[in-house]
Amino acid sequence: MAEGPFDRKVVGVREITARVRRLLEGQIGRLWIEGECSNVSTPNSGHVYFTLKDETSQIQAAWFKGRRPPGALLPRDGMKLRVYGLITAYERGSQIQVLVEQAEDAGAGDLQKRFEELKARLKKEGLFDASAKKPLPVLPRRIGIVTSPTGAAVRDILQVLTRRYPDRHLILAPVMAQGDGSARGISAAIRFFNEQRMVDVMIVGRGGGSLEDLWSFNEESVARAIYESEIPVISAVGHEVDFTISDFVADARAPTPSAAA
């Protein structure tokens, strides 16, 4: 029976989280879960941490090195995965998670599928053709930057350009680099630079992140704004291993924002 408000039996936070863990492990236990992977992290410990999500919810997952057989399928951002494991709670963070014991590919994740479909369609339309690429100007005087004003990308770009080319004129078009409305803002910034004719070249991008973090640069509206730009565009999204639709349609692709600079 639950204790009433006047019983005055006080328990510590640790005991509550332990009760939650025991309840989850006892009442739910082990089962199969299917979802799309994101935020995959593989630290030097050899463990794998990631998020499993669907349209409305998400759960954290941990696949410890000792529970993962050699040659096992490794999660990747955007992968649709089916995992078997113990539902428990990470007491220190009061976070529900699944301790993975087995994993199998459940087919391409929804975001990855959308990426491949749009990539194929735009390629067929000719948006990636080499003949459509504009040459980059040699030592442009005015450089437009389309990115978040608070992200790591703008700091990296400014640091490189001000150190190596201090006499260049840099103009920032501040935008949201992820989230609702971000693709619309990025597209509008590209078109604004074209309308005003105030720069010789544009760097469009952001720092690294998961597939969903970078998704604005996989939106068709951004791809078409880049393609229609009369000003050459350098796409600089994420890290060297990250590829977005913007990279394929831009006049040049840089592996990082610093490399773009």
Protein backbone atom coordinates (compact mmCIF):
# COMPACT_ATOMS: atom_id res chain seq x y z
CA MET A 1 0.00 0.00 0.00
CA ALA A 2 1.28 3.46 -0.84
CA GLU A 3 2.28 5.61 2.08
CA GLY A 4 0.12 8.62 2.93
CA PRO A 5 1.35 12.21 3.13
CA PHE A 6 1.49 12.07 6.93
CA ASP A 7 3.52 8.87 7.30
CA ARG A 8 6.67 11.00 7.09
CA LYS A 9 8.78 8.19 5.76
CA VAL A 10 11.38 9.98 3.69
CA VAL A 11 13.40 8.17 1.03
CA GLY A 12 16.40 9.32 -0.92
CA VAL A 13 16.47 10.05 -4.61
CA ARG A 14 18.73 7.05 -5.13
CA GLU A 15 16.15 4.72 -3.62
CA ILE A 16 13.41 6.08 -5.88
CA THR A 17 15.49 5.62 -9.03
CA ALA A 18 16.44 2.13 -7.86
CA ARG A 19 12.76 1.28 -7.42
CA VAL A 20 12.04 2.55 -10.94
CA ARG A 21 14.86 0.41 -12.32
CA ARG A 22 13.62 -2.71 -10.53
CA LEU A 23 10.06 -2.02 -11.67
CA LEU A 24 11.07 -1.67 -15.30
CA GLU A 25 13.28 -4.75 -15.26
CA GLY A 26 10.68 -6.82 -13.43
CA GLN A 27 7.50 -5.70 -15.18
CA ILE A 28 8.81 -5.18 -18.72
CA GLY A 29 12.13 -7.00 -18.80
CA ARG A 30 13.57 -8.03 -22.14
CA LEU A 31 11.86 -7.43 -25.48
CA TRP A 32 12.39 -6.41 -29.10
CA ILE A 33 12.16 -2.72 -30.01
CA GLU A 34 12.18 -1.18 -33.48
CA GLY A 35 13.07 2.39 -34.29
CA GLU A 36 15.34 4.72 -36.22
CA CYS A 37 18.87 5.31 -34.92
CA SER A 38 20.25 8.76 -34.24
CA ASN A 39 23.01 10.37 -32.18
CA VAL A 40 25.20 7.27 -32.50
CA SER A 41 28.31 7.56 -30.34
CA THR A 42 31.24 5.12 -30.25
CA PRO A 43 33.77 6.24 -27.61
CA ASN A 44 37.17 4.63 -27.11
CA SER A 45 35.68 2.28 -24.53
CA GLY A 46 34.22 0.22 -27.37
CA HIS A 47 30.65 0.67 -26.11
CA VAL A 48 28.00 2.04 -28.49
CA TYR A 49 25.41 4.56 -27.38
CA PHE A 50 22.51 5.74 -29.53
CA THR A 51 18.89 6.86 -29.57
CA LEU A 52 16.00 4.79 -30.95
CA LYS A 53 13.09 6.93 -32.06
CA ASP A 54 9.85 6.95 -33.98
CA GLU A 55 7.57 9.81 -35.00
CA THR A 56 6.74 10.89 -31.45
CA SER A 57 9.03 9.23 -28.91
CA GLN A 58 12.57 8.10 -28.24
CA ILE A 59 14.52 5.86 -25.89
CA GLN A 60 18.24 5.77 -25.14
CA ALA A 61 20.15 2.60 -25.94
CA ALA A 62 23.50 1.27 -24.75
CA TRP A 63 25.30 -1.68 -26.35
CA PHE A 64 28.24 -2.57 -24.18
CA LYS A 65 31.36 -4.04 -25.74
CA GLY A 66 31.16 -7.22 -23.69
CA ARG A 67 27.63 -7.95 -24.93
CA ARG A 68 28.42 -7.33 -28.60
CA PRO A 69 29.73 -10.35 -30.54
CA PRO A 70 32.53 -9.90 -33.10
CA GLY A 71 31.24 -8.76 -36.47
CA ALA A 72 27.91 -7.62 -35.04
CA LEU A 73 25.90 -5.03 -36.97
CA LEU A 74 26.79 -1.54 -35.74
CA PRO A 75 24.13 1.19 -35.55
CA ARG A 76 24.42 4.19 -37.87
CA ASP A 77 22.51 7.45 -37.92
CA GLY A 78 19.39 7.03 -40.03
CA MET A 79 19.41 3.23 -39.83
CA LYS A 80 16.15 1.53 -38.94
CA LEU A 81 17.13 -1.00 -36.31
CA ARG A 82 15.43 -3.79 -34.38
CA VAL A 83 17.10 -4.47 -31.02
CA TYR A 84 16.58 -7.00 -28.25
CA GLY A 85 17.51 -5.98 -24.75
CA LEU A 86 16.63 -5.23 -21.15
CA ILE A 87 14.48 -2.22 -20.37
CA THR A 88 15.98 -0.51 -17.36
CA ALA A 89 16.78 2.90 -15.90
CA TYR A 90 20.13 4.61 -15.70
CA GLU A 91 19.88 5.69 -12.09
CA ARG A 92 22.40 8.51 -12.19
CA GLY A 93 20.48 10.31 -14.92
CA SER A 94 17.00 8.98 -14.10
CA GLN A 95 16.76 7.94 -17.72
CA ILE A 96 14.91 4.98 -19.19
CA GLN A 97 17.12 2.99 -21.55
CA VAL A 98 17.50 -0.36 -23.23
CA LEU A 99 20.62 -2.43 -22.68
CA VAL A 100 21.07 -4.02 -26.09
CA GLU A 101 21.99 -7.69 -26.45
CA GLN A 102 21.12 -8.28 -30.12
CA ALA A 103 20.48 -6.03 -33.13
CA GLU A 104 19.32 -6.50 -36.69
CA ASP A 105 18.69 -4.20 -39.62
CA ALA A 106 15.00 -3.38 -39.97
CA GLY A 107 15.39 -1.62 -43.31
CA ALA A 108 16.41 1.90 -44.23
CA GLY A 109 15.30 4.51 -41.73
CA ASP A 110 12.65 6.98 -42.80
CA LEU A 111 15.09 9.91 -43.02
CA GLN A 112 17.64 7.88 -44.92
CA LYS A 113 14.95 6.71 -47.31
CA ARG A 114 13.83 10.28 -47.94
CA PHE A 115 17.45 11.28 -48.51
CA GLU A 116 18.02 8.57 -51.12
CA GLU A 117 14.72 9.28 -52.91
CA LEU A 118 15.37 13.03 -53.16
CA LYS A 119 18.98 12.47 -54.18
CA ALA A 120 17.90 10.16 -57.02
CA ARG A 121 15.18 12.54 -58.23
CA LEU A 122 17.37 15.67 -58.22
CA LYS A 123 20.21 13.79 -59.91
CA LYS A 124 17.81 12.72 -62.64
CA GLU A 125 16.75 16.36 -63.08
CA GLY A 126 20.38 17.34 -63.62
CA LEU A 127 20.93 19.38 -60.45
CA PHE A 128 24.19 17.53 -59.76
CA ASP A 129 25.61 17.75 -63.27
CA ALA A 130 29.20 18.95 -63.53
CA SER A 131 28.15 21.19 -66.43
CA ALA A 132 25.96 23.19 -64.04
CA LYS A 133 28.80 23.95 -61.62
CA LYS A 134 30.04 27.55 -61.59
CA PRO A 135 33.78 28.19 -61.12
CA LEU A 136 34.83 29.72 -57.82
CA PRO A 137 36.38 33.20 -58.03
CA VAL A 138 40.08 33.48 -57.28
CA LEU A 139 40.57 35.40 -54.00
CA PRO A 140 37.05 36.84 -53.79
CA ARG A 141 36.81 40.24 -52.11
CA ARG A 142 33.39 39.74 -50.57
CA ILE A 143 32.39 36.42 -48.99
CA GLY A 144 28.87 35.61 -47.84
CA ILE A 145 28.40 33.16 -44.96
CA VAL A 146 25.03 31.45 -44.44
CA THR A 147 25.05 29.69 -41.08
CA SER A 148 24.02 30.00 -37.44
CA PRO A 149 25.51 33.07 -35.73
CA THR A 150 26.12 31.06 -32.54
CA GLY A 151 27.44 27.74 -33.87
CA ALA A 152 30.96 26.39 -34.10
CA ALA A 153 30.95 26.70 -37.89
CA VAL A 154 30.89 30.50 -37.99
CA ARG A 155 33.70 30.70 -35.43
CA ASP A 156 35.84 28.29 -37.46
CA ILE A 157 35.20 30.14 -40.71
CA LEU A 158 35.92 33.57 -39.24
CA GLN A 159 39.06 32.35 -37.51
CA VAL A 160 40.55 30.97 -40.72
CA LEU A 161 39.54 33.87 -42.96
CA THR A 162 40.61 36.66 -40.62
CA ARG A 163 43.98 34.97 -40.05
CA ARG A 164 44.80 34.15 -43.66
CA TYR A 165 42.91 36.87 -45.55
CA PRO A 166 42.36 39.79 -43.14
CA ASP A 167 41.46 42.18 -45.98
CA ARG A 168 38.44 40.15 -47.18
CA HIS A 169 34.97 41.58 -46.60
CA LEU A 170 32.83 39.01 -44.76
CA ILE A 171 29.04 39.26 -44.59
CA LEU A 172 27.07 36.90 -42.33
CA ALA A 173 23.46 36.00 -43.06
CA PRO A 174 22.40 34.58 -39.68
CA VAL A 175 20.04 31.62 -39.92
CA MET A 176 18.90 28.67 -37.88
CA ALA A 177 20.97 25.67 -38.94
CA GLN A 178 18.44 23.06 -37.77
CA GLY A 179 14.86 22.74 -36.63
CA ASP A 180 11.50 23.92 -37.90
CA GLY A 181 11.75 26.74 -40.41
CA SER A 182 15.52 26.45 -40.79
CA ALA A 183 15.43 25.26 -44.41
CA ARG A 184 13.17 28.17 -45.31
CA GLY A 185 15.59 30.60 -43.66
CA ILE A 186 18.65 29.14 -45.39
CA SER A 187 16.93 29.30 -48.79
CA ALA A 188 15.87 32.90 -48.17
CA ALA A 189 19.43 33.92 -47.20
CA ILE A 190 20.86 32.42 -50.41
CA ARG A 191 18.27 34.28 -52.48
CA PHE A 192 18.88 37.51 -50.55
CA PHE A 193 22.58 37.47 -51.40
CA ASN A 194 21.66 36.93 -55.05
CA GLU A 195 19.14 39.76 -55.07
CA GLN A 196 21.53 42.23 -53.45
CA ARG A 197 24.60 41.07 -55.42
CA MET A 198 26.74 41.95 -52.40
CA VAL A 199 29.12 38.95 -52.38
CA ASP A 200 31.35 37.13 -54.85
CA VAL A 201 30.95 33.67 -53.31
CA MET A 202 28.92 32.02 -50.54
CA ILE A 203 29.76 29.47 -47.86
CA VAL A 204 26.60 27.64 -46.79
CA GLY A 205 26.77 25.15 -43.93
CA ARG A 206 27.06 24.23 -40.28
CA GLY A 207 29.07 22.04 -37.91
CA GLY A 208 28.62 18.33 -37.38
CA GLY A 209 25.66 16.48 -35.94
CA SER A 210 23.30 13.59 -36.43
CA LEU A 211 21.34 12.97 -39.62
CA GLU A 212 18.38 14.90 -38.26
CA ASP A 213 20.63 17.76 -37.08
CA LEU A 214 21.91 18.19 -40.64
CA TRP A 215 18.54 17.63 -42.26
CA SER A 216 17.91 21.25 -43.27
CA PHE A 217 20.67 20.81 -45.86
CA ASN A 218 18.81 17.79 -47.26
CA GLU A 219 15.64 19.77 -47.95
CA GLU A 220 14.59 20.29 -51.55
CA SER A 221 14.02 24.02 -51.02
CA VAL A 222 17.67 24.52 -50.01
CA ALA A 223 18.91 22.38 -52.90
CA ARG A 224 16.95 24.41 -55.43
CA ALA A 225 18.05 27.73 -53.92
CA ILE A 226 21.68 26.64 -54.28
CA TYR A 227 21.13 25.40 -57.83
CA GLU A 228 19.40 28.62 -58.88
CA SER A 229 22.05 30.85 -57.28
CA GLU A 230 24.00 32.95 -59.76
CA ILE A 231 26.68 33.37 -57.08
CA PRO A 232 28.95 30.33 -56.62
CA VAL A 233 28.13 28.31 -53.51
CA ILE A 234 30.46 26.21 -51.37
CA SER A 235 28.61 23.64 -49.26
CA ALA A 236 30.31 23.03 -45.91
CA VAL A 237 28.07 20.82 -43.80
CA GLY A 238 29.23 18.71 -40.86
CA HIS A 239 32.40 16.64 -40.82
CA GLU A 240 34.33 14.98 -43.61
CA VAL A 241 32.22 11.80 -43.41
CA ASP A 242 28.91 13.69 -43.64
CA PHE A 243 27.24 14.13 -47.04
CA THR A 244 24.08 16.12 -47.68
CA ILE A 245 22.02 16.99 -50.74
CA SER A 246 23.53 20.48 -50.56
CA ASP A 247 26.97 18.98 -51.11
CA PHE A 248 25.90 17.36 -54.37
CA VAL A 249 24.16 20.41 -55.83
CA ALA A 250 26.64 23.11 -54.72
CA ASP A 251 29.39 24.37 -57.01
CA ALA A 252 31.98 22.99 -54.58
CA ARG A 253 31.88 20.82 -51.48
CA ALA A 254 34.19 21.35 -48.50
CA PRO A 255 34.59 18.56 -45.94
CA THR A 256 34.30 21.03 -43.03
CA PRO A 257 33.47 24.75 -42.54
CA SER A 258 37.17 25.44 -41.82
CA ALA A 259 38.15 23.79 -45.09
CA ALA A 260 35.62 25.93 -46.92
CA ALA A 261 37.32 29.04 -45.53
